[in-house]
Amino acid sequence: MNERIKKIRKSVGLSQKDFGIKIGVSDTAISKIEHGERNPSKQTIKLICKEFKINQNWLKSGIGEMFSNDQDIFLDDLTELNSLGKRIKKLRIALSLSQREFGERIGIVKTAVSKIENGENSPREQTIMSICREFDVNESWLKEGIGDMFSNASEDLFDQLANKYNLDEFDIKVIKRYVNFSNEQRHLIKDIFINEKDD
């Protein structure tokens, strides 16, 4: 399986770091998996299959085609999103945030985020509201899996920016990534630009 995971990463043209970001694990973990130093968890296997439309039977046994069909992915998504904790994890991965960074943004510790994602604890109503407010998340999607992940108001704002300033898809992606950074991360980026200006 380890070699097949490496084959998937190579076929989609991603570095170990970028591949890990897509499924919410570190590049170090990806490296160890590919080199056979550790085996992927069941959750990691499911995330790989869902993110890259991989045939789970092929990934586990090498039998069949590498890529799956959309119907299998859709049914797997329905099962996965049937849990509030799973939706919170899906959101965190979509925002490219670690459990610690995600927790800092909504005022809870990393351990609490982990327990919520694993279904050990249910998030308080205040935590749910903080998630929706901080990340412009659609409350109906977060609570019940209904509708889009992000609120329409947020997407409308990005559309307006794109039209007004002639931004392409990559420009919008950069802006979305920046606004989801912590204050510490934003300061680091600002320092880079300030130092370049001084030079």
N, C-alpha and C. Protein backbone atom coordinates (compact mmCIF):
# COMPACT_ATOMS: atom_id res chain seq x y z
N MET A 1 0.82 -1.20 0.00
CA MET A 1 0.00 0.00 0.00
C MET A 1 0.86 1.26 0.00
N ASN A 2 1.99 1.20 0.67
CA ASN A 2 2.87 2.36 0.78
C ASN A 2 3.32 2.84 -0.60
N GLU A 3 3.71 1.89 -1.46
CA GLU A 3 4.14 2.25 -2.80
C GLU A 3 2.99 2.80 -3.63
N ARG A 4 1.77 2.28 -3.40
CA ARG A 4 0.62 2.77 -4.15
C ARG A 4 0.27 4.20 -3.75
N ILE A 5 0.47 4.53 -2.48
CA ILE A 5 0.21 5.91 -2.04
C ILE A 5 1.20 6.86 -2.72
N LYS A 6 2.45 6.43 -2.81
CA LYS A 6 3.46 7.24 -3.51
C LYS A 6 3.07 7.39 -4.99
N LYS A 7 2.57 6.31 -5.58
CA LYS A 7 2.16 6.34 -6.99
C LYS A 7 1.02 7.34 -7.19
N ILE A 8 0.08 7.37 -6.24
CA ILE A 8 -1.03 8.33 -6.31
C ILE A 8 -0.49 9.76 -6.28
N ARG A 9 0.40 10.01 -5.31
CA ARG A 9 0.96 11.37 -5.17
C ARG A 9 1.69 11.81 -6.43
N LYS A 10 2.47 10.89 -6.99
CA LYS A 10 3.20 11.21 -8.22
C LYS A 10 2.24 11.47 -9.39
N SER A 11 1.17 10.67 -9.46
CA SER A 11 0.23 10.78 -10.58
C SER A 11 -0.55 12.09 -10.54
N VAL A 12 -0.75 12.66 -9.33
CA VAL A 12 -1.48 13.93 -9.23
C VAL A 12 -0.52 15.12 -9.18
N GLY A 13 0.79 14.83 -9.26
CA GLY A 13 1.79 15.88 -9.38
C GLY A 13 1.96 16.75 -8.15
N LEU A 14 1.91 16.13 -6.96
CA LEU A 14 2.03 16.91 -5.72
C LEU A 14 3.28 16.52 -4.94
N SER A 15 3.85 17.50 -4.25
CA SER A 15 4.95 17.22 -3.33
C SER A 15 4.37 16.52 -2.10
N GLN A 16 5.23 15.96 -1.26
CA GLN A 16 4.75 15.32 -0.04
C GLN A 16 4.03 16.33 0.85
N LYS A 17 4.52 17.57 0.88
CA LYS A 17 3.90 18.60 1.70
C LYS A 17 2.50 18.93 1.20
N ASP A 18 2.37 19.16 -0.12
CA ASP A 18 1.07 19.52 -0.70
C ASP A 18 0.08 18.36 -0.61
N PHE A 19 0.57 17.15 -0.81
CA PHE A 19 -0.27 15.96 -0.69
C PHE A 19 -0.80 15.84 0.74
N GLY A 20 0.08 16.07 1.71
CA GLY A 20 -0.31 15.99 3.11
C GLY A 20 -1.34 17.04 3.48
N ILE A 21 -1.17 18.26 2.95
CA ILE A 21 -2.12 19.34 3.23
C ILE A 21 -3.52 18.95 2.76
N LYS A 22 -3.59 18.29 1.62
CA LYS A 22 -4.88 17.90 1.05
C LYS A 22 -5.65 16.95 1.96
N ILE A 23 -4.91 16.11 2.70
CA ILE A 23 -5.59 15.10 3.52
C ILE A 23 -5.38 15.34 5.02
N GLY A 24 -4.76 16.47 5.36
CA GLY A 24 -4.65 16.84 6.77
C GLY A 24 -3.59 16.13 7.58
N VAL A 25 -2.50 15.71 6.93
CA VAL A 25 -1.38 15.11 7.66
C VAL A 25 -0.09 15.80 7.25
N SER A 26 0.96 15.65 8.05
CA SER A 26 2.22 16.34 7.78
C SER A 26 3.01 15.67 6.67
N ASP A 27 3.95 16.43 6.07
CA ASP A 27 4.80 15.86 5.03
C ASP A 27 5.72 14.79 5.61
N THR A 28 6.08 14.93 6.89
CA THR A 28 6.89 13.90 7.55
C THR A 28 6.14 12.57 7.62
N ALA A 29 4.85 12.65 7.94
CA ALA A 29 4.03 11.43 8.01
C ALA A 29 3.92 10.79 6.62
N ILE A 30 3.74 11.62 5.59
CA ILE A 30 3.66 11.09 4.22
C ILE A 30 4.95 10.39 3.85
N SER A 31 6.08 11.00 4.18
CA SER A 31 7.38 10.41 3.88
C SER A 31 7.54 9.04 4.55
N LYS A 32 7.15 8.96 5.82
CA LYS A 32 7.28 7.70 6.55
C LYS A 32 6.35 6.62 5.98
N ILE A 33 5.16 7.03 5.55
CA ILE A 33 4.23 6.08 4.94
C ILE A 33 4.80 5.55 3.64
N GLU A 34 5.31 6.46 2.80
CA GLU A 34 5.83 6.06 1.49
C GLU A 34 7.06 5.16 1.61
N HIS A 35 7.84 5.36 2.67
CA HIS A 35 9.04 4.55 2.87
C HIS A 35 8.78 3.29 3.69
N GLY A 36 7.51 3.06 4.03
CA GLY A 36 7.16 1.84 4.75
C GLY A 36 7.51 1.86 6.22
N GLU A 37 7.82 3.05 6.77
CA GLU A 37 8.17 3.15 8.18
C GLU A 37 6.92 3.16 9.07
N ARG A 38 5.78 3.48 8.48
CA ARG A 38 4.51 3.42 9.22
C ARG A 38 3.39 3.16 8.23
N ASN A 39 2.27 2.65 8.73
CA ASN A 39 1.12 2.39 7.88
C ASN A 39 0.09 3.50 8.05
N PRO A 40 -0.63 3.83 6.98
CA PRO A 40 -1.65 4.88 7.09
C PRO A 40 -2.83 4.40 7.93
N SER A 41 -3.45 5.31 8.67
CA SER A 41 -4.63 4.97 9.45
C SER A 41 -5.82 4.77 8.51
N LYS A 42 -6.89 4.17 9.04
CA LYS A 42 -8.10 3.97 8.24
C LYS A 42 -8.66 5.31 7.77
N GLN A 43 -8.58 6.32 8.65
CA GLN A 43 -9.07 7.65 8.31
C GLN A 43 -8.26 8.26 7.17
N THR A 44 -6.94 8.08 7.21
CA THR A 44 -6.07 8.60 6.15
C THR A 44 -6.38 7.94 4.82
N ILE A 45 -6.62 6.64 4.85
CA ILE A 45 -6.97 5.91 3.62
C ILE A 45 -8.26 6.46 3.03
N LYS A 46 -9.26 6.69 3.88
CA LYS A 46 -10.55 7.21 3.41
C LYS A 46 -10.39 8.61 2.83
N LEU A 47 -9.56 9.44 3.48
CA LEU A 47 -9.36 10.80 2.99
C LEU A 47 -8.64 10.82 1.65
N ILE A 48 -7.66 9.93 1.48
CA ILE A 48 -6.95 9.82 0.20
C ILE A 48 -7.92 9.44 -0.90
N CYS A 49 -8.74 8.43 -0.64
CA CYS A 49 -9.70 7.95 -1.64
C CYS A 49 -10.71 9.03 -2.02
N LYS A 50 -11.17 9.76 -1.00
CA LYS A 50 -12.18 10.79 -1.25
C LYS A 50 -11.59 12.00 -1.95
N GLU A 51 -10.44 12.44 -1.50
CA GLU A 51 -9.83 13.66 -2.04
C GLU A 51 -9.38 13.48 -3.49
N PHE A 52 -8.84 12.30 -3.81
CA PHE A 52 -8.26 12.08 -5.13
C PHE A 52 -9.07 11.10 -5.99
N LYS A 53 -10.29 10.76 -5.50
CA LYS A 53 -11.18 9.85 -6.24
C LYS A 53 -10.49 8.51 -6.55
N ILE A 54 -9.91 7.94 -5.51
CA ILE A 54 -9.17 6.68 -5.64
C ILE A 54 -10.06 5.50 -5.27
N ASN A 55 -9.93 4.42 -6.02
CA ASN A 55 -10.62 3.17 -5.74
C ASN A 55 -10.00 2.56 -4.47
N GLN A 56 -10.77 2.50 -3.38
CA GLN A 56 -10.26 2.02 -2.10
C GLN A 56 -9.78 0.57 -2.20
N ASN A 57 -10.43 -0.23 -3.00
CA ASN A 57 -10.02 -1.63 -3.17
C ASN A 57 -8.64 -1.70 -3.81
N TRP A 58 -8.39 -0.81 -4.80
CA TRP A 58 -7.07 -0.77 -5.43
C TRP A 58 -6.01 -0.32 -4.43
N LEU A 59 -6.34 0.71 -3.65
CA LEU A 59 -5.36 1.23 -2.69
C LEU A 59 -4.97 0.17 -1.67
N LYS A 60 -5.94 -0.60 -1.20
CA LYS A 60 -5.66 -1.59 -0.15
C LYS A 60 -5.02 -2.87 -0.69
N SER A 61 -5.43 -3.29 -1.91
CA SER A 61 -4.98 -4.59 -2.39
C SER A 61 -4.27 -4.56 -3.74
N GLY A 62 -4.37 -3.44 -4.44
CA GLY A 62 -3.78 -3.36 -5.77
C GLY A 62 -4.65 -3.95 -6.86
N ILE A 63 -5.88 -4.34 -6.50
CA ILE A 63 -6.80 -4.95 -7.46
C ILE A 63 -7.74 -3.89 -8.04
N GLY A 64 -7.91 -3.92 -9.37
CA GLY A 64 -8.81 -2.99 -10.02
C GLY A 64 -8.09 -1.75 -10.52
N GLU A 65 -8.88 -0.72 -10.85
CA GLU A 65 -8.33 0.52 -11.36
C GLU A 65 -7.96 1.46 -10.21
N MET A 66 -6.97 2.33 -10.47
CA MET A 66 -6.55 3.27 -9.44
C MET A 66 -7.68 4.24 -9.07
N PHE A 67 -8.32 4.80 -10.08
CA PHE A 67 -9.33 5.82 -9.82
C PHE A 67 -10.73 5.22 -9.75
N SER A 68 -11.54 5.77 -8.85
CA SER A 68 -12.90 5.28 -8.63
C SER A 68 -13.87 6.08 -9.48
N ASN A 69 -15.18 5.74 -9.34
CA ASN A 69 -16.19 6.52 -10.05
C ASN A 69 -16.86 7.48 -9.09
N ASP A 70 -17.50 8.50 -9.62
CA ASP A 70 -18.07 9.58 -8.81
C ASP A 70 -19.17 9.08 -7.88
N GLN A 71 -19.91 8.04 -8.26
CA GLN A 71 -21.00 7.55 -7.42
C GLN A 71 -20.46 7.00 -6.10
N ASP A 72 -19.33 6.28 -6.17
CA ASP A 72 -18.73 5.74 -4.95
C ASP A 72 -18.28 6.86 -4.02
N ILE A 73 -17.68 7.90 -4.62
CA ILE A 73 -17.22 9.03 -3.83
C ILE A 73 -18.40 9.73 -3.18
N PHE A 74 -19.50 9.91 -3.95
CA PHE A 74 -20.67 10.61 -3.43
C PHE A 74 -21.28 9.87 -2.24
N LEU A 75 -21.40 8.54 -2.36
CA LEU A 75 -21.98 7.75 -1.28
C LEU A 75 -21.08 7.79 -0.05
N ASP A 76 -19.76 7.76 -0.27
CA ASP A 76 -18.83 7.83 0.84
C ASP A 76 -18.92 9.19 1.54
N ASP A 77 -19.11 10.25 0.75
CA ASP A 77 -19.25 11.60 1.31
C ASP A 77 -20.48 11.69 2.20
N LEU A 78 -21.59 11.07 1.77
CA LEU A 78 -22.82 11.13 2.56
C LEU A 78 -22.61 10.49 3.93
N THR A 79 -21.90 9.36 3.95
CA THR A 79 -21.63 8.69 5.22
C THR A 79 -20.70 9.52 6.08
N GLU A 80 -19.67 10.08 5.45
CA GLU A 80 -18.65 10.84 6.18
C GLU A 80 -19.23 12.10 6.80
N LEU A 81 -20.13 12.77 6.05
CA LEU A 81 -20.67 14.04 6.51
C LEU A 81 -21.88 13.88 7.42
N ASN A 82 -22.18 12.63 7.80
CA ASN A 82 -23.32 12.39 8.67
C ASN A 82 -22.99 12.71 10.12
N SER A 83 -21.80 13.22 10.33
CA SER A 83 -21.35 13.53 11.68
C SER A 83 -20.87 14.97 11.75
N LEU A 84 -21.29 15.69 12.77
CA LEU A 84 -20.85 17.07 12.96
C LEU A 84 -19.34 17.15 13.11
N GLY A 85 -18.77 16.20 13.86
CA GLY A 85 -17.33 16.18 14.04
C GLY A 85 -16.59 16.02 12.72
N LYS A 86 -17.13 15.16 11.84
CA LYS A 86 -16.49 14.95 10.54
C LYS A 86 -16.57 16.20 9.69
N ARG A 87 -17.70 16.91 9.79
CA ARG A 87 -17.83 18.15 9.02
C ARG A 87 -16.84 19.21 9.51
N ILE A 88 -16.65 19.25 10.83
CA ILE A 88 -15.68 20.21 11.38
C ILE A 88 -14.27 19.87 10.90
N LYS A 89 -13.94 18.59 10.85
CA LYS A 89 -12.62 18.19 10.35
C LYS A 89 -12.48 18.53 8.87
N LYS A 90 -13.54 18.29 8.11
CA LYS A 90 -13.51 18.61 6.68
C LYS A 90 -13.30 20.11 6.47
N LEU A 91 -13.94 20.91 7.31
CA LEU A 91 -13.78 22.36 7.24
C LEU A 91 -12.33 22.75 7.55
N ARG A 92 -11.80 22.18 8.64
CA ARG A 92 -10.43 22.52 9.04
C ARG A 92 -9.43 22.19 7.94
N ILE A 93 -9.59 21.03 7.32
CA ILE A 93 -8.69 20.62 6.25
C ILE A 93 -8.84 21.55 5.05
N ALA A 94 -10.08 21.94 4.75
CA ALA A 94 -10.33 22.87 3.63
C ALA A 94 -9.65 24.22 3.87
N LEU A 95 -9.52 24.60 5.13
CA LEU A 95 -8.89 25.88 5.49
C LEU A 95 -7.38 25.74 5.66
N SER A 96 -6.86 24.51 5.51
CA SER A 96 -5.42 24.23 5.66
C SER A 96 -4.90 24.67 7.02
N LEU A 97 -5.66 24.37 8.07
CA LEU A 97 -5.26 24.72 9.43
C LEU A 97 -4.99 23.45 10.25
N SER A 98 -3.99 23.53 11.11
CA SER A 98 -3.75 22.43 12.04
C SER A 98 -4.83 22.49 13.13
N GLN A 99 -4.93 21.43 13.92
CA GLN A 99 -5.89 21.44 15.02
C GLN A 99 -5.59 22.56 16.01
N ARG A 100 -4.30 22.81 16.24
CA ARG A 100 -3.92 23.89 17.16
C ARG A 100 -4.34 25.25 16.60
N GLU A 101 -4.05 25.50 15.33
CA GLU A 101 -4.39 26.78 14.71
C GLU A 101 -5.90 26.99 14.66
N PHE A 102 -6.62 25.92 14.31
CA PHE A 102 -8.08 26.00 14.25
C PHE A 102 -8.65 26.33 15.63
N GLY A 103 -8.13 25.65 16.65
CA GLY A 103 -8.60 25.88 18.02
C GLY A 103 -8.33 27.29 18.50
N GLU A 104 -7.16 27.81 18.17
CA GLU A 104 -6.81 29.18 18.58
C GLU A 104 -7.78 30.20 18.01
N ARG A 105 -8.24 29.95 16.79
CA ARG A 105 -9.13 30.90 16.13
C ARG A 105 -10.51 30.95 16.77
N ILE A 106 -10.92 29.83 17.40
CA ILE A 106 -12.27 29.79 18.00
C ILE A 106 -12.25 29.66 19.51
N GLY A 107 -11.03 29.78 20.10
CA GLY A 107 -10.92 29.83 21.55
C GLY A 107 -10.98 28.51 22.29
N ILE A 108 -10.56 27.41 21.64
CA ILE A 108 -10.49 26.13 22.34
C ILE A 108 -9.12 25.50 22.09
N VAL A 109 -8.73 24.53 22.91
CA VAL A 109 -7.40 23.93 22.80
C VAL A 109 -7.39 22.82 21.74
N LYS A 110 -6.18 22.45 21.33
CA LYS A 110 -6.00 21.42 20.31
C LYS A 110 -6.67 20.10 20.70
N THR A 111 -6.53 19.71 21.97
CA THR A 111 -7.12 18.45 22.44
C THR A 111 -8.63 18.45 22.26
N ALA A 112 -9.26 19.60 22.52
CA ALA A 112 -10.72 19.70 22.37
C ALA A 112 -11.12 19.54 20.90
N VAL A 113 -10.34 20.14 20.00
CA VAL A 113 -10.61 20.00 18.56
C VAL A 113 -10.51 18.54 18.15
N SER A 114 -9.47 17.87 18.62
CA SER A 114 -9.26 16.47 18.29
C SER A 114 -10.43 15.60 18.76
N LYS A 115 -10.88 15.82 19.98
CA LYS A 115 -11.98 15.02 20.53
C LYS A 115 -13.29 15.28 19.78
N ILE A 116 -13.50 16.52 19.34
CA ILE A 116 -14.71 16.83 18.56
C ILE A 116 -14.66 16.13 17.22
N GLU A 117 -13.50 16.20 16.56
CA GLU A 117 -13.36 15.59 15.23
C GLU A 117 -13.50 14.07 15.29
N ASN A 118 -13.05 13.47 16.38
CA ASN A 118 -13.12 12.01 16.51
C ASN A 118 -14.45 11.52 17.08
N GLY A 119 -15.34 12.46 17.38
CA GLY A 119 -16.65 12.08 17.89
C GLY A 119 -16.69 11.76 19.36
N GLU A 120 -15.59 12.03 20.07
CA GLU A 120 -15.56 11.75 21.52
C GLU A 120 -16.37 12.78 22.30
N ASN A 121 -16.35 14.03 21.81
CA ASN A 121 -17.12 15.12 22.44
C ASN A 121 -17.97 15.81 21.39
N SER A 122 -19.08 16.37 21.82
CA SER A 122 -19.90 17.20 20.93
C SER A 122 -19.56 18.66 21.19
N PRO A 123 -19.47 19.47 20.12
CA PRO A 123 -19.16 20.89 20.33
C PRO A 123 -20.32 21.63 20.99
N ARG A 124 -20.00 22.57 21.86
CA ARG A 124 -21.03 23.39 22.47
C ARG A 124 -21.62 24.33 21.43
N GLU A 125 -22.82 24.84 21.71
CA GLU A 125 -23.47 25.77 20.79
C GLU A 125 -22.60 27.00 20.55
N GLN A 126 -21.92 27.45 21.61
CA GLN A 126 -21.04 28.61 21.49
C GLN A 126 -19.88 28.33 20.53
N THR A 127 -19.36 27.09 20.58
CA THR A 127 -18.27 26.71 19.69
C THR A 127 -18.75 26.70 18.24
N ILE A 128 -19.94 26.16 18.02
CA ILE A 128 -20.51 26.13 16.67
C ILE A 128 -20.68 27.55 16.13
N MET A 129 -21.20 28.44 16.96
CA MET A 129 -21.40 29.82 16.52
C MET A 129 -20.06 30.50 16.23
N SER A 130 -19.04 30.19 17.04
CA SER A 130 -17.71 30.77 16.83
C SER A 130 -17.12 30.30 15.50
N ILE A 131 -17.31 29.03 15.18
CA ILE A 131 -16.82 28.48 13.91
C ILE A 131 -17.50 29.19 12.74
N CYS A 132 -18.80 29.32 12.81
CA CYS A 132 -19.55 29.96 11.72
C CYS A 132 -19.14 31.41 11.54
N ARG A 133 -18.97 32.11 12.64
CA ARG A 133 -18.62 33.53 12.58
C ARG A 133 -17.17 33.73 12.11
N GLU A 134 -16.25 32.95 12.65
CA GLU A 134 -14.83 33.14 12.35
C GLU A 134 -14.49 32.77 10.91
N PHE A 135 -15.13 31.72 10.38
CA PHE A 135 -14.76 31.22 9.06
C PHE A 135 -15.85 31.41 7.99
N ASP A 136 -16.88 32.20 8.33
CA ASP A 136 -17.99 32.44 7.39
C ASP A 136 -18.61 31.13 6.90
N VAL A 137 -18.87 30.23 7.86
CA VAL A 137 -19.42 28.92 7.52
C VAL A 137 -20.95 28.95 7.57
N ASN A 138 -21.56 28.24 6.65
CA ASN A 138 -23.00 28.09 6.59
C ASN A 138 -23.46 27.22 7.78
N GLU A 139 -24.24 27.80 8.69
CA GLU A 139 -24.64 27.09 9.91
C GLU A 139 -25.44 25.83 9.59
N SER A 140 -26.27 25.88 8.56
CA SER A 140 -27.08 24.70 8.19
C SER A 140 -26.19 23.56 7.72
N TRP A 141 -25.11 23.92 6.99
CA TRP A 141 -24.18 22.87 6.55
C TRP A 141 -23.46 22.27 7.75
N LEU A 142 -23.01 23.13 8.66
CA LEU A 142 -22.23 22.64 9.79
C LEU A 142 -23.07 21.75 10.69
N LYS A 143 -24.31 22.14 10.97
CA LYS A 143 -25.15 21.38 11.89
C LYS A 143 -25.80 20.15 11.25
N GLU A 144 -26.22 20.30 9.98
CA GLU A 144 -27.03 19.24 9.37
C GLU A 144 -26.48 18.72 8.05
N GLY A 145 -25.41 19.32 7.54
CA GLY A 145 -24.86 18.89 6.25
C GLY A 145 -25.67 19.38 5.07
N ILE A 146 -26.48 20.43 5.28
CA ILE A 146 -27.36 20.95 4.22
C ILE A 146 -26.73 22.19 3.59
N GLY A 147 -26.69 22.22 2.26
CA GLY A 147 -26.19 23.39 1.55
C GLY A 147 -24.68 23.39 1.39
N ASP A 148 -24.12 24.57 1.06
CA ASP A 148 -22.68 24.71 0.85
C ASP A 148 -21.95 24.91 2.17
N MET A 149 -20.67 24.59 2.17
CA MET A 149 -19.86 24.74 3.38
C MET A 149 -19.79 26.20 3.84
N PHE A 150 -19.53 27.09 2.90
CA PHE A 150 -19.36 28.49 3.26
C PHE A 150 -20.62 29.30 2.94
N SER A 151 -20.83 30.37 3.69
CA SER A 151 -22.02 31.20 3.49
C SER A 151 -21.97 31.91 2.16
N ASN A 152 -23.13 32.17 1.59
CA ASN A 152 -23.21 32.85 0.30
C ASN A 152 -22.65 34.26 0.38
N ALA A 153 -22.83 34.91 1.55
CA ALA A 153 -22.35 36.27 1.71
C ALA A 153 -20.85 36.35 1.49
N SER A 154 -20.14 35.35 2.02
CA SER A 154 -18.68 35.33 1.88
C SER A 154 -18.29 35.16 0.42
N GLU A 155 -18.94 34.21 -0.28
CA GLU A 155 -18.62 33.98 -1.68
C GLU A 155 -18.98 35.18 -2.54
N ASP A 156 -20.11 35.84 -2.22
CA ASP A 156 -20.51 37.03 -2.98
C ASP A 156 -19.45 38.13 -2.85
N LEU A 157 -18.86 38.25 -1.67
CA LEU A 157 -17.84 39.26 -1.45
C LEU A 157 -16.61 38.98 -2.32
N PHE A 158 -16.20 37.72 -2.38
CA PHE A 158 -15.05 37.35 -3.21
C PHE A 158 -15.36 37.57 -4.69
N ASP A 159 -16.58 37.30 -5.10
CA ASP A 159 -16.99 37.54 -6.48
C ASP A 159 -16.91 39.02 -6.82
N GLN A 160 -17.34 39.86 -5.88
CA GLN A 160 -17.28 41.31 -6.09
C GLN A 160 -15.83 41.79 -6.22
N LEU A 161 -14.96 41.25 -5.38
CA LEU A 161 -13.54 41.61 -5.46
C LEU A 161 -12.95 41.20 -6.81
N ALA A 162 -13.30 39.99 -7.24
CA ALA A 162 -12.78 39.49 -8.51
C ALA A 162 -13.22 40.37 -9.67
N ASN A 163 -14.49 40.77 -9.68
CA ASN A 163 -15.01 41.60 -10.76
C ASN A 163 -14.42 43.00 -10.74
N LYS A 164 -14.30 43.57 -9.54
CA LYS A 164 -13.83 44.95 -9.41
C LYS A 164 -12.36 45.09 -9.77
N TYR A 165 -11.55 44.11 -9.35
CA TYR A 165 -10.10 44.22 -9.54
C TYR A 165 -9.54 43.25 -10.58
N ASN A 166 -10.44 42.64 -11.35
CA ASN A 166 -10.04 41.72 -12.43
C ASN A 166 -9.12 40.61 -11.90
N LEU A 167 -9.55 39.95 -10.82
CA LEU A 167 -8.77 38.88 -10.20
C LEU A 167 -9.12 37.53 -10.82
N ASP A 168 -8.12 36.69 -10.99
CA ASP A 168 -8.40 35.34 -11.50
C ASP A 168 -8.59 34.38 -10.32
N GLU A 169 -8.79 33.11 -10.64
CA GLU A 169 -9.09 32.11 -9.61
C GLU A 169 -7.94 31.96 -8.61
N PHE A 170 -6.70 32.07 -9.11
CA PHE A 170 -5.56 31.93 -8.21
C PHE A 170 -5.47 33.13 -7.26
N ASP A 171 -5.75 34.33 -7.78
CA ASP A 171 -5.74 35.53 -6.92
C ASP A 171 -6.72 35.36 -5.76
N ILE A 172 -7.93 34.88 -6.06
CA ILE A 172 -8.95 34.70 -5.03
C ILE A 172 -8.51 33.63 -4.03
N LYS A 173 -7.86 32.59 -4.53
CA LYS A 173 -7.38 31.52 -3.64
C LYS A 173 -6.35 32.07 -2.65
N VAL A 174 -5.46 32.94 -3.15
CA VAL A 174 -4.45 33.56 -2.29
C VAL A 174 -5.11 34.42 -1.21
N ILE A 175 -6.12 35.21 -1.62
CA ILE A 175 -6.81 36.08 -0.67
C ILE A 175 -7.53 35.25 0.39
N LYS A 176 -8.22 34.19 -0.04
CA LYS A 176 -8.93 33.33 0.91
C LYS A 176 -7.96 32.70 1.90
N ARG A 177 -6.80 32.28 1.39
CA ARG A 177 -5.80 31.66 2.27
C ARG A 177 -5.29 32.68 3.29
N TYR A 178 -5.05 33.91 2.83
CA TYR A 178 -4.52 34.94 3.73
C TYR A 178 -5.50 35.28 4.84
N VAL A 179 -6.77 35.48 4.49
CA VAL A 179 -7.74 35.90 5.51
C VAL A 179 -7.99 34.80 6.54
N ASN A 180 -7.61 33.57 6.21
CA ASN A 180 -7.78 32.48 7.17
C ASN A 180 -6.52 32.21 7.99
N PHE A 181 -5.46 32.99 7.74
CA PHE A 181 -4.26 32.88 8.55
C PHE A 181 -4.52 33.46 9.94
N SER A 182 -3.75 32.99 10.91
CA SER A 182 -3.79 33.59 12.24
C SER A 182 -3.11 34.95 12.18
N ASN A 183 -3.30 35.78 13.22
CA ASN A 183 -2.64 37.09 13.26
C ASN A 183 -1.13 36.96 13.20
N GLU A 184 -0.60 35.93 13.85
CA GLU A 184 0.85 35.69 13.84
C GLU A 184 1.35 35.42 12.43
N GLN A 185 0.61 34.59 11.68
CA GLN A 185 1.01 34.28 10.31
C GLN A 185 0.92 35.51 9.42
N ARG A 186 -0.10 36.33 9.62
CA ARG A 186 -0.24 37.55 8.83
C ARG A 186 0.92 38.50 9.09
N HIS A 187 1.33 38.61 10.35
CA HIS A 187 2.46 39.49 10.69
C HIS A 187 3.74 39.04 10.00
N LEU A 188 3.93 37.72 9.91
CA LEU A 188 5.12 37.20 9.24
C LEU A 188 5.14 37.60 7.77
N ILE A 189 3.97 37.49 7.12
CA ILE A 189 3.88 37.86 5.71
C ILE A 189 4.11 39.37 5.53
N LYS A 190 3.52 40.16 6.41
CA LYS A 190 3.71 41.62 6.36
C LYS A 190 5.17 41.99 6.52
N ASP A 191 5.86 41.29 7.43
CA ASP A 191 7.28 41.56 7.67
C ASP A 191 8.10 41.31 6.41
N ILE A 192 7.74 40.27 5.66
CA ILE A 192 8.44 39.97 4.42
C ILE A 192 8.33 41.13 3.44
N PHE A 193 7.11 41.66 3.26
CA PHE A 193 6.91 42.75 2.34
C PHE A 193 7.59 44.03 2.83
N ILE A 194 7.56 44.28 4.13
CA ILE A 194 8.21 45.47 4.69
C ILE A 194 9.70 45.41 4.48
N ASN A 195 10.30 44.25 4.71
CA ASN A 195 11.75 44.08 4.53
C ASN A 195 12.14 44.25 3.08
N GLU A 196 11.32 43.75 2.14
CA GLU A 196 11.62 43.90 0.72
C GLU A 196 11.57 45.37 0.32
N LYS A 197 10.62 46.11 0.90
CA LYS A 197 10.49 47.53 0.59
C LYS A 197 11.70 48.31 1.08
N ASP A 198 12.21 47.94 2.26
CA ASP A 198 13.38 48.59 2.82
C ASP A 198 14.63 48.34 1.99
N ASP A 199 14.71 47.13 1.42
CA ASP A 199 15.87 46.78 0.58
C ASP A 199 15.87 47.59 -0.71
